[in-house]
Amino acid sequence: MTQYTLAGISFGLFTLAVAGFLTCGSLVRMLMFLELMLNAANVALVALGPQPASNAYAVMLFTVAAAEAGVGLALIITLASAFKTLEAGNIKELKG
């Protein structure tokens, strides 16, 4: 596989993830599509970047994705307990 084939695959994956993120209503699915977008960017970075630097950035992106997933799940659990729903359309008002 060439680097441009991998870049095309990552672009397609990113586009599908954006479309899924914008059309779904569940917070858990939104988080899943956000992680998919991050992984598609990671594939493009490894495919198109210089080899040693892009691999180091990919490892850093994996750690950022893991931290983001943990924080995102904590926020979803908090919102689910406060509003008794996981649908983004039903959460209309956030008070501090």
Protein backbone atom coordinates (compact mmCIF):
# COMPACT_ATOMS: atom_id res chain seq x y z
CA MET A 1 0.00 0.00 0.00
CA THR A 2 1.30 3.43 -0.87
CA GLN A 3 1.18 6.40 1.40
CA TYR A 4 -1.45 8.08 -0.77
CA THR A 5 -3.72 5.05 -0.54
CA LEU A 6 -3.45 5.19 3.24
CA ALA A 7 -4.12 8.93 3.17
CA GLY A 8 -7.24 8.32 1.07
CA ILE A 9 -8.44 5.64 3.46
CA SER A 10 -7.89 7.93 6.43
CA PHE A 11 -9.73 10.77 4.67
CA GLY A 12 -12.68 8.48 3.95
CA LEU A 13 -12.69 7.22 7.53
CA PHE A 14 -12.55 10.77 8.85
CA THR A 15 -15.40 11.85 6.57
CA LEU A 16 -17.60 8.95 7.68
CA ALA A 17 -16.83 9.72 11.32
CA VAL A 18 -17.76 13.40 10.89
CA ALA A 19 -21.02 12.42 9.17
CA GLY A 20 -21.79 9.95 11.95
CA PHE A 21 -20.97 12.50 14.64
CA LEU A 22 -23.26 15.11 13.13
CA THR A 23 -26.20 12.77 12.53
CA CYS A 24 -26.36 10.63 15.67
CA GLY A 25 -28.05 11.76 18.83
CA SER A 26 -26.52 9.53 21.49
CA LEU A 27 -23.64 10.91 23.52
CA VAL A 28 -21.86 7.55 23.60
CA ARG A 29 -21.99 7.28 19.81
CA MET A 30 -20.74 10.83 19.50
CA LEU A 31 -17.74 9.92 21.65
CA MET A 32 -17.13 6.83 19.53
CA PHE A 33 -17.18 8.88 16.32
CA LEU A 34 -14.85 11.43 17.90
CA GLU A 35 -12.37 8.66 18.69
CA LEU A 36 -12.69 7.40 15.12
CA MET A 37 -11.84 10.88 13.83
CA LEU A 38 -8.76 10.97 16.03
CA ASN A 39 -7.63 7.56 14.79
CA ALA A 40 -8.16 8.59 11.15
CA ALA A 41 -5.97 11.64 11.74
CA ASN A 42 -3.41 9.35 13.34
CA VAL A 43 -3.34 7.10 10.26
CA ALA A 44 -2.89 10.11 7.98
CA LEU A 45 -0.09 11.42 10.17
CA VAL A 46 1.79 8.13 10.06
CA ALA A 47 1.18 7.68 6.32
CA LEU A 48 2.27 11.15 5.22
CA GLY A 49 4.77 12.26 7.84
CA PRO A 50 8.48 11.61 8.13
CA GLN A 51 8.92 8.15 9.62
CA PRO A 52 10.57 8.66 13.06
CA ALA A 53 8.75 11.88 13.90
CA SER A 54 5.32 10.71 12.77
CA ASN A 55 5.62 7.52 14.81
CA ALA A 56 6.43 9.57 17.92
CA TYR A 57 3.47 11.86 17.26
CA ALA A 58 1.24 8.81 16.76
CA VAL A 59 2.16 7.46 20.20
CA MET A 60 1.43 10.88 21.71
CA LEU A 61 -1.92 10.97 19.91
CA PHE A 62 -2.81 7.54 21.30
CA THR A 63 -2.19 8.80 24.84
CA VAL A 64 -4.27 11.92 24.18
CA ALA A 65 -7.07 9.74 22.78
CA ALA A 66 -7.01 7.51 25.86
CA ALA A 67 -7.17 10.51 28.20
CA GLU A 68 -9.93 12.09 26.12
CA ALA A 69 -11.95 8.88 26.22
CA GLY A 70 -11.65 8.70 29.99
CA VAL A 71 -12.70 12.30 30.50
CA GLY A 72 -15.47 11.98 27.93
CA LEU A 73 -16.90 8.89 29.58
CA ALA A 74 -16.78 10.59 32.97
CA LEU A 75 -18.71 13.55 31.55
CA ILE A 76 -21.25 11.25 29.91
CA ILE A 77 -21.82 9.39 33.19
CA THR A 78 -22.28 12.70 35.01
CA LEU A 79 -24.71 14.01 32.39
CA ALA A 80 -26.63 10.73 32.37
CA SER A 81 -27.10 10.81 36.13
CA ALA A 82 -28.13 14.47 36.12
CA PHE A 83 -30.51 14.42 33.15
CA LYS A 84 -31.53 10.72 33.14
CA THR A 85 -30.88 10.47 29.37
CA LEU A 86 -28.04 9.89 26.92
CA GLU A 87 -29.66 11.71 23.99
CA ALA A 88 -27.98 15.01 23.16
CA GLY A 89 -31.24 16.55 21.97
CA ASN A 90 -32.87 16.08 25.36
CA ILE A 91 -30.13 17.94 27.22
CA LYS A 92 -31.08 21.53 26.58
CA GLU A 93 -29.86 23.40 29.62
CA LEU A 94 -26.63 23.16 31.57
CA LYS A 95 -26.47 25.07 34.85
CA GLY A 96 -23.29 25.76 36.78
